[in-house]
């Protein structure tokens, strides 16, 4: 069972968090109404345990708010202790207010640990809509009162997390749980989330203990989806579910299922958002590394789209030319104006003609920056084709070689690029 415990930070918490954690419950904590609301909107809880009146959490208002949206979570209110002549009538008034707001049970402070556990077990039976709190599927039975799991009457020796895993599966025997869903349901928010390997280890351990008890293939793996109980072990579960429901049970069950579907969809949406955020972060990191690498190497890259006739420049290429990166990349005619007039013939012979022939190219040119400074660059690139060998882009790099160039060296380099007379 997963419990959300809403407790005030000041004064120090009075609710027995330690007691709940020691009795195989998965317990998350919230310190105010809004935090509790966010958690209840994001995760599936079996029980909400909260104080009715605190400075940071109006339990009555939170109950009413949850019921207004159809959340079927079981709610146990903790009422303040009242003294004085009219304490009894005030206490009764508070209980009535709690029940009419949607609470399922009320306790009065100070809370006794054993009484709290007894109330939780009673609410669990009510939530299960069974005369017995026992969860069963085929030969496997889970007894919440004794915190035991039996197989054909034989008690299995399992640890706390294995118990919680079986409780989750037995509570929803026809539902498939992904590893992410198991993690969300069985690991509190204040614990480090398990790896997939950790969850697979717990599944494997439970399977091994069941096999040792004579039950084979009780937990099935649906690859790409998760884990669920083997439907062939449905006989006892079918008999158990054939009991007469109490008035209103059908409506409550339908509401619970609808809410569960909504919460599952919400969890999947949140997972998709987080996945896209991780991809966006990885893309941003790659782009940042590319910018840094190009700046260190003084190499900018560019491409020209043949279909849209648009040009793309990286940030470093703008810097090499002394241009503003927030402005559109220059058009082919504007780009020609950036080249030193004396090197236009080299541009024509060494770049434009190979482009027309759809061949790779390389040339050493001088460029004129906006501030009038002349720089020396090495330009190389070539065509990019699609699968049908159609030209779709011209792409290349511009390497600022100014710091390595001396007059004699660059003259030699230019001679390599110069057109033949």
Protein backbone atom coordinates (compact mmCIF):
# COMPACT_ATOMS: atom_id res chain seq x y z
CA UNK A 1 0.00 0.00 0.00
CA UNK A 2 1.29 3.46 -0.92
CA UNK A 3 0.44 6.22 1.55
CA UNK A 4 0.76 9.98 1.25
CA UNK A 5 1.41 11.48 4.68
CA UNK A 6 0.72 15.21 4.98
CA UNK A 7 2.35 16.59 8.09
CA UNK A 8 3.19 20.07 9.33
CA UNK A 9 6.84 21.09 9.57
CA UNK A 10 6.20 23.41 12.53
CA UNK A 11 5.62 22.13 15.12
CA UNK A 12 7.62 18.92 14.44
CA UNK A 13 5.66 16.07 12.84
CA UNK A 14 3.39 14.19 15.21
CA UNK A 15 2.30 11.45 12.83
CA UNK A 16 4.17 8.12 13.13
CA UNK A 17 6.07 8.06 9.84
CA UNK A 18 8.53 5.55 11.27
CA UNK A 19 5.72 3.21 12.32
CA UNK A 20 4.22 3.24 8.84
CA UNK A 21 7.58 2.65 7.14
CA UNK A 22 8.28 -0.31 9.40
CA UNK A 23 5.01 -2.03 8.45
CA UNK A 24 5.76 -2.55 4.73
CA UNK A 25 4.00 0.61 3.56
CA UNK A 26 5.47 2.87 0.88
CA UNK A 27 5.23 6.34 2.42
CA UNK A 28 5.66 9.71 0.73
CA UNK A 29 5.45 12.95 2.69
CA UNK A 30 4.11 16.41 1.90
CA UNK A 31 4.30 19.50 4.09
CA UNK A 32 1.32 21.48 2.77
CA UNK A 33 -1.90 21.22 0.76
CA UNK A 34 -0.48 22.31 -2.60
CA UNK A 35 2.41 19.89 -2.42
CA UNK A 36 -0.03 17.11 -1.53
CA UNK A 37 -2.30 18.09 -4.43
CA UNK A 38 0.60 17.94 -6.90
CA UNK A 39 1.65 14.51 -5.66
CA UNK A 40 -1.91 13.18 -5.78
CA UNK A 41 -2.24 14.49 -9.34
CA UNK A 42 0.95 12.76 -10.43
CA UNK A 43 1.00 9.45 -8.55
CA UNK A 44 -1.45 6.75 -7.49
CA UNK A 45 -1.93 6.50 -3.73
CA UNK A 46 -4.03 4.01 -1.79
CA UNK A 47 -4.42 6.21 1.29
CA UNK A 48 -4.10 9.87 2.20
CA UNK A 49 -3.27 10.51 5.84
CA UNK A 50 -3.42 14.16 6.90
CA UNK A 51 -4.07 16.48 9.77
CA UNK A 52 -7.34 18.34 9.44
CA UNK A 53 -6.35 21.76 10.73
CA UNK A 54 -2.78 23.08 10.55
CA UNK A 55 -1.38 26.48 9.51
CA UNK A 56 0.02 25.03 6.29
CA UNK A 57 -2.59 22.42 5.41
CA UNK A 58 -6.37 22.71 5.53
CA UNK A 59 -7.27 19.02 5.44
CA UNK A 60 -10.99 19.70 5.12
CA UNK A 61 -10.47 21.86 2.04
CA UNK A 62 -8.11 19.30 0.49
CA UNK A 63 -10.69 16.52 1.04
CA UNK A 64 -13.39 18.55 -0.65
CA UNK A 65 -11.10 19.47 -3.53
CA UNK A 66 -10.16 15.83 -4.18
CA UNK A 67 -13.75 14.62 -4.10
CA UNK A 68 -14.86 17.41 -6.44
CA UNK A 69 -12.56 16.03 -9.15
CA UNK A 70 -13.54 12.41 -8.47
CA UNK A 71 -10.34 11.21 -6.81
CA UNK A 72 -11.32 7.97 -4.97
CA UNK A 73 -8.25 7.81 -2.71
CA UNK A 74 -9.04 6.68 0.85
CA UNK A 75 -8.68 9.58 3.30
CA UNK A 76 -7.91 9.32 7.01
CA UNK A 77 -8.17 12.65 8.85
CA UNK A 78 -6.30 13.41 12.06
CA UNK A 79 -8.36 15.83 14.17
CA UNK A 80 -6.86 18.10 16.83
CA UNK A 81 -7.43 17.31 20.48
CA UNK A 82 -9.91 19.73 22.08
CA UNK A 83 -10.35 20.45 25.74
CA UNK A 84 -12.83 22.42 27.77
CA UNK A 85 -16.52 22.22 28.42
CA UNK A 86 -17.58 22.22 24.79
CA UNK A 87 -14.67 20.05 23.59
CA UNK A 88 -16.89 17.04 22.95
CA UNK A 89 -19.40 18.89 20.81
CA UNK A 90 -16.63 20.68 18.91
CA UNK A 91 -14.91 17.36 18.29
CA UNK A 92 -18.15 15.90 16.94
CA UNK A 93 -18.58 18.96 14.73
CA UNK A 94 -15.10 18.47 13.32
CA UNK A 95 -15.78 14.81 12.57
CA UNK A 96 -19.03 15.66 10.82
CA UNK A 97 -17.25 18.33 8.81
CA UNK A 98 -14.54 15.83 7.85
CA UNK A 99 -16.99 13.12 6.77
CA UNK A 100 -19.16 15.52 4.77
CA UNK A 101 -16.03 16.80 3.01
CA UNK A 102 -15.14 13.29 1.84
CA UNK A 103 -13.01 11.71 4.57
CA UNK A 104 -13.37 7.96 5.06
CA UNK A 105 -12.26 7.87 8.69
CA UNK A 106 -11.16 10.21 11.49
CA UNK A 107 -8.74 9.90 14.40
CA UNK A 108 -8.03 12.30 17.23
CA UNK A 109 -4.60 13.43 18.36
CA UNK A 110 -2.50 12.16 19.96
CA UNK A 111 -2.51 9.18 17.59
CA UNK A 112 -1.73 5.75 18.94
CA UNK A 113 0.40 3.72 16.54
CA UNK A 114 -1.55 0.47 16.92
CA UNK A 115 -4.89 2.24 16.52
CA UNK A 116 -3.59 3.97 13.38
CA UNK A 117 -2.53 0.62 11.87
CA UNK A 118 -5.93 -0.90 12.73
CA UNK A 119 -7.71 1.99 10.96
CA UNK A 120 -5.50 1.61 7.90
CA UNK A 121 -6.24 -2.11 7.71
CA UNK A 122 -9.95 -1.43 8.03
CA UNK A 123 -9.79 1.15 5.26
CA UNK A 124 -7.83 -1.28 3.10
CA UNK A 125 -10.64 -3.82 3.45
CA UNK A 126 -13.16 -1.15 2.55
CA UNK A 127 -11.12 -0.10 -0.47
CA UNK A 128 -10.79 -3.69 -1.63
CA UNK A 129 -14.58 -4.18 -1.28
CA UNK A 130 -14.03 -7.63 0.23
CA UNK A 131 -15.10 -9.24 3.44
CA UNK A 132 -11.50 -10.32 3.88
CA UNK A 133 -8.42 -8.16 3.28
CA UNK A 134 -6.59 -11.13 1.78
CA UNK A 135 -5.37 -10.64 -1.80
CA UNK A 136 -5.22 -13.86 -3.77
CA UNK A 137 -4.44 -15.06 -7.26
CA UNK A 138 -4.35 -18.79 -7.76
CA UNK A 139 -2.31 -20.47 -4.99
CA UNK A 140 -0.69 -17.20 -3.82
CA UNK A 141 -2.30 -15.21 -1.01
CA UNK A 142 -1.17 -11.99 0.64
CA UNK A 143 -2.37 -11.31 4.18
CA UNK A 144 -1.99 -7.58 4.99
CA UNK A 145 -2.93 -8.02 8.64
CA UNK A 146 -0.11 -10.50 9.24
CA UNK A 147 2.16 -9.00 6.54
CA UNK A 148 2.61 -12.49 5.10
CA UNK A 149 2.54 -14.10 1.69
CA UNK A 150 1.57 -17.74 1.41
CA UNK A 151 1.69 -20.20 -1.46
CA UNK A 152 -0.71 -23.13 -1.03
CA UNK A 153 -0.69 -22.30 2.66
CA UNK A 154 3.09 -22.25 2.94
CA UNK A 155 4.57 -18.96 4.22
CA UNK A 156 7.14 -17.46 1.86
CA UNK A 157 10.24 -15.81 3.26
CA UNK A 158 10.43 -12.48 1.41
CA UNK A 159 11.87 -9.06 2.15
CA UNK A 160 10.00 -5.76 2.38
CA UNK A 161 10.36 -4.73 -1.25
CA UNK A 162 9.39 -8.19 -2.54
CA UNK A 163 6.27 -8.03 -0.35
CA UNK A 164 5.36 -4.62 -1.80
CA UNK A 165 5.92 -5.91 -5.33
CA UNK A 166 3.57 -8.84 -4.79
CA UNK A 167 1.03 -6.59 -3.10
CA UNK A 168 1.03 -4.29 -6.15
CA UNK A 169 0.59 -7.15 -8.61
CA UNK A 170 -2.04 -8.97 -6.52
CA UNK A 171 -4.01 -5.73 -6.06
CA UNK A 172 -4.16 -5.32 -9.87
CA UNK A 173 -3.85 -8.90 -11.19
CA UNK A 174 -4.91 -8.06 -14.74
CA UNK A 175 -2.81 -4.94 -15.12
CA UNK A 176 0.64 -4.78 -16.73
CA UNK A 177 3.19 -2.66 -14.88
CA UNK A 178 6.24 -1.25 -16.61
CA UNK A 179 9.47 -0.94 -14.68
CA UNK A 180 8.89 2.83 -14.52
CA UNK A 181 5.40 2.28 -13.06
CA UNK A 182 6.78 -0.16 -10.48
CA UNK A 183 9.43 2.38 -9.54
CA UNK A 184 6.80 5.12 -9.13
CA UNK A 185 4.55 2.94 -7.01
CA UNK A 186 7.07 1.21 -4.74
CA UNK A 187 9.87 3.72 -4.16
CA UNK A 188 9.16 6.81 -2.02
CA UNK A 189 10.18 10.18 -3.40
CA UNK A 190 12.86 10.63 -0.74
CA UNK A 191 14.67 7.48 -1.92
CA UNK A 192 16.92 7.14 -4.93
CA UNK A 193 14.97 5.70 -7.86
CA UNK A 194 16.00 2.14 -8.71
CA UNK A 195 17.68 1.12 -11.93
CA UNK A 196 16.00 -1.29 -14.33
CA UNK A 197 18.50 -3.91 -13.18
CA UNK A 198 17.38 -3.47 -9.57
CA UNK A 199 13.72 -4.00 -10.45
CA UNK A 200 14.55 -7.03 -12.59
CA UNK A 201 16.49 -8.47 -9.66
CA UNK A 202 13.46 -8.13 -7.36
CA UNK A 203 11.23 -9.78 -9.98
CA UNK A 204 13.73 -12.60 -10.42
CA UNK A 205 13.98 -13.16 -6.66
CA UNK A 206 10.20 -13.34 -6.25
CA UNK A 207 9.91 -15.75 -9.17
CA UNK A 208 12.62 -18.00 -7.71
CA UNK A 209 10.91 -18.17 -4.31
CA UNK A 210 7.57 -18.95 -5.93
CA UNK A 211 9.18 -21.66 -8.07
CA UNK A 212 10.73 -23.18 -4.96
CA UNK A 213 7.19 -23.33 -3.55
CA UNK A 214 6.00 -25.14 -6.69
CA UNK A 215 4.45 -22.25 -8.65
CA UNK A 216 5.88 -21.79 -12.14
CA UNK A 217 5.54 -18.73 -14.40
CA UNK A 218 3.41 -16.82 -11.89
CA UNK A 219 4.76 -13.42 -12.98
CA UNK A 220 4.91 -13.01 -16.74
CA UNK A 221 7.09 -10.64 -18.74
CA UNK A 222 5.42 -8.83 -21.62
CA UNK A 223 8.41 -7.50 -23.53
CA UNK A 224 8.18 -3.82 -24.24
CA UNK A 225 5.30 -3.42 -21.77
CA UNK A 226 6.25 -4.80 -18.36
CA UNK A 227 5.11 -7.43 -15.88
CA UNK A 228 1.75 -8.93 -14.92
CA UNK A 229 0.33 -12.00 -13.23
CA UNK A 230 -0.26 -15.10 -15.31
CA UNK A 231 -4.01 -15.10 -16.19
CA UNK A 232 -4.11 -18.89 -16.04
CA UNK A 233 -3.96 -18.57 -12.24
CA UNK A 234 -7.34 -16.86 -12.15
CA UNK A 235 -9.54 -19.54 -10.58
CA UNK A 236 -9.32 -18.44 -6.96
CA UNK A 237 -9.33 -14.78 -7.87
CA UNK A 238 -12.50 -15.31 -9.87
CA UNK A 239 -14.17 -16.98 -6.89
CA UNK A 240 -13.10 -14.18 -4.59
CA UNK A 241 -14.38 -11.49 -6.93
CA UNK A 242 -17.76 -13.24 -7.22
CA UNK A 243 -18.87 -11.99 -3.80
CA UNK A 244 -21.82 -9.62 -3.46
CA UNK A 245 -20.76 -5.99 -3.60
CA UNK A 246 -22.00 -3.46 -1.05
CA UNK A 247 -24.34 -0.67 -2.25
CA UNK A 248 -22.35 1.91 -4.16
CA UNK A 249 -19.40 -0.43 -4.68
CA UNK A 250 -19.93 -0.65 -8.45
CA UNK A 251 -19.97 3.12 -8.82
CA UNK A 252 -16.91 3.51 -6.59
CA UNK A 253 -15.05 0.80 -8.49
CA UNK A 254 -15.79 2.43 -11.85
CA UNK A 255 -14.69 5.79 -10.46
CA UNK A 256 -11.50 4.24 -9.12
CA UNK A 257 -10.74 2.64 -12.48
CA UNK A 258 -11.38 5.89 -14.36
CA UNK A 259 -9.17 7.79 -11.95
CA UNK A 260 -6.48 5.13 -12.25
CA UNK A 261 -6.55 5.40 -16.03
CA UNK A 262 -6.25 9.19 -15.76
CA UNK A 263 -3.32 8.92 -13.39
CA UNK A 264 -1.64 6.31 -15.61
CA UNK A 265 -2.06 8.57 -18.64
CA UNK A 266 -0.72 11.48 -16.62
CA UNK A 267 2.30 9.43 -15.55
CA UNK A 268 2.98 8.43 -19.16
CA UNK A 269 2.67 12.05 -20.27
CA UNK A 270 5.08 13.13 -17.55
CA UNK A 271 7.50 10.40 -18.61
CA UNK A 272 7.27 11.57 -22.23
CA UNK A 273 7.88 15.19 -21.18
CA UNK A 274 10.92 14.16 -19.14
CA UNK A 275 12.18 12.06 -22.07
CA UNK A 276 11.88 15.02 -24.43
CA UNK A 277 13.56 17.29 -21.89
CA UNK A 278 16.48 14.86 -21.70
CA UNK A 279 16.75 14.84 -25.51
CA UNK A 280 16.60 18.66 -25.56
CA UNK A 281 19.31 18.84 -22.90
CA UNK A 282 21.51 16.41 -24.86
CA UNK A 283 20.98 18.43 -28.05
CA UNK A 284 21.79 21.67 -26.25
CA UNK A 285 24.95 20.12 -24.79
CA UNK A 286 26.03 18.86 -28.24
CA UNK A 287 25.45 22.29 -29.77
CA UNK A 288 27.39 23.95 -26.96
CA UNK A 289 30.30 21.53 -27.43
CA UNK A 290 30.25 22.20 -31.19
CA UNK A 291 30.32 25.97 -30.62
CA UNK A 292 33.21 25.66 -28.20
CA UNK A 293 35.15 23.33 -30.49
CA UNK A 294 34.67 25.60 -33.51
CA UNK A 295 35.69 28.67 -31.53
CA UNK A 296 38.88 27.00 -30.28
CA UNK A 297 39.75 25.71 -33.78
CA UNK A 298 38.55 28.92 -35.51
CA UNK A 299 36.49 26.86 -37.94
CA UNK A 300 32.97 27.81 -38.95
CA UNK A 301 30.58 25.64 -40.94
CA UNK A 302 27.83 26.47 -43.38
CA UNK A 303 25.32 24.91 -45.73
CA UNK A 304 23.12 26.08 -48.60
CA UNK A 305 19.74 24.39 -49.14
CA UNK A 306 19.08 23.95 -52.87
CA UNK A 307 15.29 23.67 -52.47
CA UNK A 308 14.66 26.62 -50.16
CA UNK A 309 17.64 28.65 -51.41
CA UNK A 310 18.50 29.48 -47.81
CA UNK A 311 21.91 29.58 -46.14
CA UNK A 312 22.84 28.49 -42.61
CA UNK A 313 25.96 29.67 -40.76
CA UNK A 314 27.28 28.55 -37.38
CA UNK A 315 28.10 31.18 -34.77
CA UNK A 316 31.86 30.88 -35.29
CA UNK A 317 31.51 31.65 -39.01
CA UNK A 318 29.77 34.94 -38.13
CA UNK A 319 32.64 35.70 -35.76
CA UNK A 320 35.25 35.02 -38.45
CA UNK A 321 33.53 37.50 -40.77
CA UNK A 322 32.87 40.00 -37.97
CA UNK A 323 29.09 39.82 -38.45
CA UNK A 324 26.18 39.76 -36.00
CA UNK A 325 25.00 36.15 -35.37
CA UNK A 326 21.45 37.37 -34.74
CA UNK A 327 21.17 38.49 -38.38
CA UNK A 328 20.24 36.18 -41.30
CA UNK A 329 23.11 34.45 -43.05
CA UNK A 330 24.30 36.25 -46.20
CA UNK A 331 22.84 35.29 -49.57
CA UNK A 332 25.21 33.96 -52.27
CA UNK A 333 25.55 37.46 -53.79
CA UNK A 334 26.12 39.03 -50.36
CA UNK A 335 28.66 36.34 -49.57
CA UNK A 336 30.60 37.20 -52.74
CA UNK A 337 30.87 40.80 -51.50
CA UNK A 338 32.67 39.55 -48.39
CA UNK A 339 35.53 38.13 -50.53
CA UNK A 340 38.46 40.35 -51.47
CA UNK A 341 37.86 41.62 -55.06
CA UNK A 342 41.27 40.36 -56.20
CA UNK A 343 40.29 36.81 -55.17
CA UNK A 344 36.98 36.66 -57.06
CA UNK A 345 38.62 34.72 -59.94
CA UNK A 346 39.84 32.12 -57.45
CA UNK A 347 36.32 31.88 -56.03
CA UNK A 348 34.92 31.31 -59.51
CA UNK A 349 37.44 28.69 -60.59
CA UNK A 350 38.04 26.83 -57.34
CA UNK A 351 34.53 26.92 -55.86
CA UNK A 352 31.74 27.85 -58.27
CA UNK A 353 32.82 25.58 -61.15
CA UNK A 354 33.17 22.46 -58.95
CA UNK A 355 29.77 23.27 -57.41
CA UNK A 356 28.19 23.37 -60.89
CA UNK A 357 29.82 20.02 -61.65
CA UNK A 358 28.60 18.70 -58.26
CA UNK A 359 32.19 18.03 -57.17
CA UNK A 360 34.11 18.73 -53.93
CA UNK A 361 36.07 21.99 -53.74
CA UNK A 362 38.80 23.76 -51.75
CA UNK A 363 40.28 27.24 -51.99
CA UNK A 364 42.39 29.72 -50.00
CA UNK A 365 40.94 33.25 -50.10
CA UNK A 366 41.07 36.61 -48.44
CA UNK A 367 37.93 38.05 -46.86
CA UNK A 368 37.17 41.62 -45.83
CA UNK A 369 35.45 42.07 -42.46
CA UNK A 370 33.03 44.89 -41.66
CA UNK A 371 35.76 46.75 -39.81
CA UNK A 372 38.00 46.62 -42.91
CA UNK A 373 40.36 43.97 -41.54
CA UNK A 374 41.58 41.43 -44.09
CA UNK A 375 41.72 37.81 -43.03
CA UNK A 376 42.90 34.65 -44.72
CA UNK A 377 40.63 31.62 -44.85
CA UNK A 378 40.60 28.09 -46.20
CA UNK A 379 37.23 27.11 -47.65
CA UNK A 380 36.37 23.52 -48.43
CA UNK A 381 33.13 21.67 -49.04
CA UNK A 382 31.05 19.69 -51.46
CA UNK A 383 27.62 18.51 -52.54
CA UNK A 384 25.16 16.49 -50.44
CA UNK A 385 22.78 14.12 -52.23
CA UNK A 386 19.61 12.33 -51.17
CA UNK A 387 18.97 8.58 -51.59
CA UNK A 388 18.00 9.11 -55.23
CA UNK A 389 21.24 10.94 -55.97
CA UNK A 390 19.56 14.32 -56.20
CA UNK A 391 21.54 17.36 -55.04
CA UNK A 392 19.89 18.80 -51.94
CA UNK A 393 22.62 20.86 -50.22
CA UNK A 394 26.04 22.38 -50.59
CA UNK A 395 27.92 22.25 -47.29
CA UNK A 396 31.38 23.15 -46.12
CA UNK A 397 33.72 24.75 -43.60
CA UNK A 398 35.63 28.03 -43.39
CA UNK A 399 38.95 27.85 -41.51
CA UNK A 400 40.54 31.10 -40.32
CA UNK A 401 44.27 30.62 -41.11
CA UNK A 402 45.33 34.23 -40.60
CA UNK A 403 47.61 33.58 -37.64
CA UNK A 404 49.58 30.95 -39.57
CA UNK A 405 49.95 32.96 -42.75
CA UNK A 406 52.99 34.98 -43.73
CA UNK A 407 53.26 36.68 -47.07
CA UNK A 408 55.41 34.03 -48.73
CA UNK A 409 53.37 31.14 -47.30
CA UNK A 410 50.04 32.59 -48.34
CA UNK A 411 51.36 33.44 -51.77
CA UNK A 412 52.21 29.77 -52.15
CA UNK A 413 48.77 28.77 -50.91
CA UNK A 414 47.05 31.21 -53.27
CA UNK A 415 49.10 29.90 -56.13
CA UNK A 416 47.63 26.48 -55.50
CA UNK A 417 44.12 27.90 -55.75
CA UNK A 418 44.76 30.36 -58.58
CA UNK A 419 43.15 29.64 -61.95
CA UNK A 420 45.39 28.47 -64.72
CA UNK A 421 46.05 31.27 -67.24
